[in-house]
Amino acid sequence: MPLVSFVIFMREGGGGAVNVFCRGSSGAILAALFVSFLPHIETQIIHVKKDGESSHSSKVTGFDAYNMNVIIDDFICSGETIREIYNNISANKFVAIDVLIVESGYRNSLGFEPEYLITK
């Protein structure tokens, strides 16, 4: 599903509320840009901390796992960032990843399979 199609789908009420998970400053920038295209959709950006970061808490809490769950990242090299995000958010409850948005470098070695993959 191309990104434009996904945004149109969401604007037409196709997905309800959205959790957008990201990591690092580049992920936070991309997440903010992404949700700016969904002004009428309830969205929550959840920044997953890197190992060793603890400012403002290091735990991922306070999100509804039954919302549409999106992981956004700029590039996949080893897949470690995406795996760490997934492991962190699914540590205490089952979370299905509905959409994975990455610039490039996707390999099917992440340990989970998203419902939709949006990549270059």
C-alpha atoms as a PDB file:
ATOM      1  CA  MET A   1       0.000   0.000   0.000  1.00  0.00           C
ATOM      2  CA  PRO A   2       1.741   3.211  -1.095  1.00  0.00           C
ATOM      3  CA  LEU A   3       1.948   5.988   1.481  1.00  0.00           C
ATOM      4  CA  VAL A   4      -0.465   8.257  -0.409  1.00  0.00           C
ATOM      5  CA  SER A   5      -3.072   5.479  -0.531  1.00  0.00           C
ATOM      6  CA  PHE A   6      -2.619   4.847   3.186  1.00  0.00           C
ATOM      7  CA  VAL A   7      -3.120   8.528   4.041  1.00  0.00           C
ATOM      8  CA  ILE A   8      -6.274   8.670   1.886  1.00  0.00           C
ATOM      9  CA  PHE A   9      -7.531   5.465   3.511  1.00  0.00           C
ATOM     10  CA  MET A  10      -6.994   6.937   6.987  1.00  0.00           C
ATOM     11  CA  ARG A  11      -8.600  10.275   6.104  1.00  0.00           C
ATOM     12  CA  GLU A  12     -11.706   8.443   4.950  1.00  0.00           C
ATOM     13  CA  GLY A  13     -12.073   6.834   8.350  1.00  0.00           C
ATOM     14  CA  GLY A  14     -10.550   3.488   7.497  1.00  0.00           C
ATOM     15  CA  GLY A  15      -8.475   2.941  10.572  1.00  0.00           C
ATOM     16  CA  GLY A  16      -9.649   4.730  13.718  1.00  0.00           C
ATOM     17  CA  ALA A  17      -6.983   5.938  16.135  1.00  0.00           C
ATOM     18  CA  VAL A  18      -3.307   5.471  15.283  1.00  0.00           C
ATOM     19  CA  ASN A  19      -0.237   4.819  17.442  1.00  0.00           C
ATOM     20  CA  VAL A  20       2.963   5.897  15.666  1.00  0.00           C
ATOM     21  CA  PHE A  21       6.097   4.350  17.194  1.00  0.00           C
ATOM     22  CA  CYS A  22       9.500   5.844  16.433  1.00  0.00           C
ATOM     23  CA  ARG A  23      13.034   5.953  17.812  1.00  0.00           C
ATOM     24  CA  GLY A  24      15.760   8.601  17.720  1.00  0.00           C
ATOM     25  CA  SER A  25      15.569  12.127  16.419  1.00  0.00           C
ATOM     26  CA  SER A  26      15.149  11.140  12.768  1.00  0.00           C
ATOM     27  CA  GLY A  27      12.262   8.831  13.673  1.00  0.00           C
ATOM     28  CA  ALA A  28      10.617  11.577  15.722  1.00  0.00           C
ATOM     29  CA  ILE A  29      10.867  13.993  12.791  1.00  0.00           C
ATOM     30  CA  LEU A  30       9.365  11.463  10.389  1.00  0.00           C
ATOM     31  CA  ALA A  31       6.576  10.601  12.838  1.00  0.00           C
ATOM     32  CA  ALA A  32       5.646  14.273  13.243  1.00  0.00           C
ATOM     33  CA  LEU A  33       5.607  14.775   9.469  1.00  0.00           C
ATOM     34  CA  PHE A  34       3.501  11.638   8.996  1.00  0.00           C
ATOM     35  CA  VAL A  35       0.817  12.610  11.536  1.00  0.00           C
ATOM     36  CA  SER A  36       0.632  16.113  10.038  1.00  0.00           C
ATOM     37  CA  PHE A  37      -1.010  14.448   7.026  1.00  0.00           C
ATOM     38  CA  LEU A  38      -3.740  13.023   9.273  1.00  0.00           C
ATOM     39  CA  PRO A  39      -5.173  16.143  10.951  1.00  0.00           C
ATOM     40  CA  HIS A  40      -8.603  14.643  11.657  1.00  0.00           C
ATOM     41  CA  ILE A  41      -7.376  11.275  12.900  1.00  0.00           C
ATOM     42  CA  GLU A  42      -6.642  10.674  16.572  1.00  0.00           C
ATOM     43  CA  THR A  43      -2.905  10.004  16.622  1.00  0.00           C
ATOM     44  CA  GLN A  44      -0.350   9.411  19.328  1.00  0.00           C
ATOM     45  CA  ILE A  45       3.408   9.491  18.726  1.00  0.00           C
ATOM     46  CA  ILE A  46       5.229   7.108  21.054  1.00  0.00           C
ATOM     47  CA  HIS A  47       8.981   7.636  21.158  1.00  0.00           C
ATOM     48  CA  VAL A  48      10.744   4.407  22.114  1.00  0.00           C
ATOM     49  CA  LYS A  49      13.984   5.126  23.966  1.00  0.00           C
ATOM     50  CA  LYS A  50      17.310   3.682  22.931  1.00  0.00           C
ATOM     51  CA  ASP A  51      19.184   1.496  25.438  1.00  0.00           C
ATOM     52  CA  GLY A  52      20.687   3.674  28.138  1.00  0.00           C
ATOM     53  CA  GLU A  53      18.289   6.588  27.616  1.00  0.00           C
ATOM     54  CA  SER A  54      16.072   7.237  30.611  1.00  0.00           C
ATOM     55  CA  SER A  55      15.008  10.883  30.491  1.00  0.00           C
ATOM     56  CA  HIS A  56      11.256  11.173  30.985  1.00  0.00           C
ATOM     57  CA  SER A  57      11.030   7.388  31.602  1.00  0.00           C
ATOM     58  CA  SER A  58      12.408   4.508  29.584  1.00  0.00           C
ATOM     59  CA  LYS A  59       9.223   2.410  29.511  1.00  0.00           C
ATOM     60  CA  VAL A  60       6.638   2.489  26.740  1.00  0.00           C
ATOM     61  CA  THR A  61       3.229   2.795  28.389  1.00  0.00           C
ATOM     62  CA  GLY A  62      -0.071   4.556  27.945  1.00  0.00           C
ATOM     63  CA  PHE A  63      -1.112   3.382  24.507  1.00  0.00           C
ATOM     64  CA  ASP A  64      -4.075   1.326  23.341  1.00  0.00           C
ATOM     65  CA  ALA A  65      -2.722  -1.804  21.647  1.00  0.00           C
ATOM     66  CA  TYR A  66      -6.005  -2.173  19.730  1.00  0.00           C
ATOM     67  CA  ASN A  67      -5.441   1.061  17.776  1.00  0.00           C
ATOM     68  CA  MET A  68      -3.751   0.877  14.403  1.00  0.00           C
ATOM     69  CA  ASN A  69      -0.036   0.472  15.180  1.00  0.00           C
ATOM     70  CA  VAL A  70       2.530   2.039  12.863  1.00  0.00           C
ATOM     71  CA  ILE A  71       6.320   1.841  13.178  1.00  0.00           C
ATOM     72  CA  ILE A  72       8.159   4.530  11.243  1.00  0.00           C
ATOM     73  CA  ASP A  73      11.908   4.698  10.661  1.00  0.00           C
ATOM     74  CA  ASP A  74      14.188   6.262   8.099  1.00  0.00           C
ATOM     75  CA  PHE A  75      16.348   3.319   7.090  1.00  0.00           C
ATOM     76  CA  ILE A  76      16.801  -0.350   7.907  1.00  0.00           C
ATOM     77  CA  CYS A  77      20.369  -1.577   7.890  1.00  0.00           C
ATOM     78  CA  SER A  78      20.456  -4.536  10.258  1.00  0.00           C
ATOM     79  CA  GLY A  79      16.832  -4.296  11.381  1.00  0.00           C
ATOM     80  CA  GLU A  80      17.935  -3.865  15.000  1.00  0.00           C
ATOM     81  CA  THR A  81      16.124  -0.551  15.559  1.00  0.00           C
ATOM     82  CA  ILE A  82      12.829  -1.928  14.268  1.00  0.00           C
ATOM     83  CA  ARG A  83      13.221  -5.135  16.307  1.00  0.00           C
ATOM     84  CA  GLU A  84      14.016  -3.120  19.448  1.00  0.00           C
ATOM     85  CA  ILE A  85      10.954  -0.917  18.945  1.00  0.00           C
ATOM     86  CA  TYR A  86       8.763  -3.983  18.468  1.00  0.00           C
ATOM     87  CA  ASN A  87      10.246  -5.827  21.454  1.00  0.00           C
ATOM     88  CA  ASN A  88       9.837  -2.773  23.664  1.00  0.00           C
ATOM     89  CA  ILE A  89       6.194  -2.129  22.785  1.00  0.00           C
ATOM     90  CA  SER A  90       5.197  -5.789  22.928  1.00  0.00           C
ATOM     91  CA  ALA A  91       7.016  -6.547  26.210  1.00  0.00           C
ATOM     92  CA  ASN A  92       3.877  -6.445  28.366  1.00  0.00           C
ATOM     93  CA  LYS A  93       1.086  -7.058  25.879  1.00  0.00           C
ATOM     94  CA  PHE A  94       0.468  -8.429  22.432  1.00  0.00           C
ATOM     95  CA  VAL A  95       0.747  -5.698  19.827  1.00  0.00           C
ATOM     96  CA  ALA A  96       0.150  -6.374  16.152  1.00  0.00           C
ATOM     97  CA  ILE A  97       2.065  -4.078  13.824  1.00  0.00           C
ATOM     98  CA  ASP A  98      -0.345  -2.949  11.143  1.00  0.00           C
ATOM     99  CA  VAL A  99       1.995  -0.760   9.098  1.00  0.00           C
ATOM    100  CA  LEU A 100       5.778  -0.489   8.812  1.00  0.00           C
ATOM    101  CA  ILE A 101       7.008   2.647   7.029  1.00  0.00           C
ATOM    102  CA  VAL A 102      10.694   2.816   6.108  1.00  0.00           C
ATOM    103  CA  GLU A 103      12.706   4.696   3.506  1.00  0.00           C
ATOM    104  CA  SER A 104      14.647   1.681   2.253  1.00  0.00           C
ATOM    105  CA  GLY A 105      16.583  -1.407   3.178  1.00  0.00           C
ATOM    106  CA  TYR A 106      13.670  -3.624   4.302  1.00  0.00           C
ATOM    107  CA  ARG A 107      14.503  -7.280   4.855  1.00  0.00           C
ATOM    108  CA  ASN A 108      12.084  -9.894   6.087  1.00  0.00           C
ATOM    109  CA  SER A 109      14.214 -10.739   9.118  1.00  0.00           C
ATOM    110  CA  LEU A 110      12.546  -8.617  11.764  1.00  0.00           C
ATOM    111  CA  GLY A 111      10.823 -11.341  13.769  1.00  0.00           C
ATOM    112  CA  PHE A 112       7.326 -10.074  12.900  1.00  0.00           C
ATOM    113  CA  GLU A 113       5.419  -9.389   9.714  1.00  0.00           C
ATOM    114  CA  PRO A 114       3.521  -6.108   9.332  1.00  0.00           C
ATOM    115  CA  GLU A 115       0.075  -6.085   7.733  1.00  0.00           C
ATOM    116  CA  TYR A 116       1.302  -3.425   5.300  1.00  0.00           C
ATOM    117  CA  LEU A 117       4.817  -2.396   4.284  1.00  0.00           C
ATOM    118  CA  ILE A 118       5.396   1.063   2.845  1.00  0.00           C
ATOM    119  CA  THR A 119       8.893   1.612   1.456  1.00  0.00           C
ATOM    120  CA  LYS A 120      10.690   3.225  -1.413  1.00  0.00           C
END
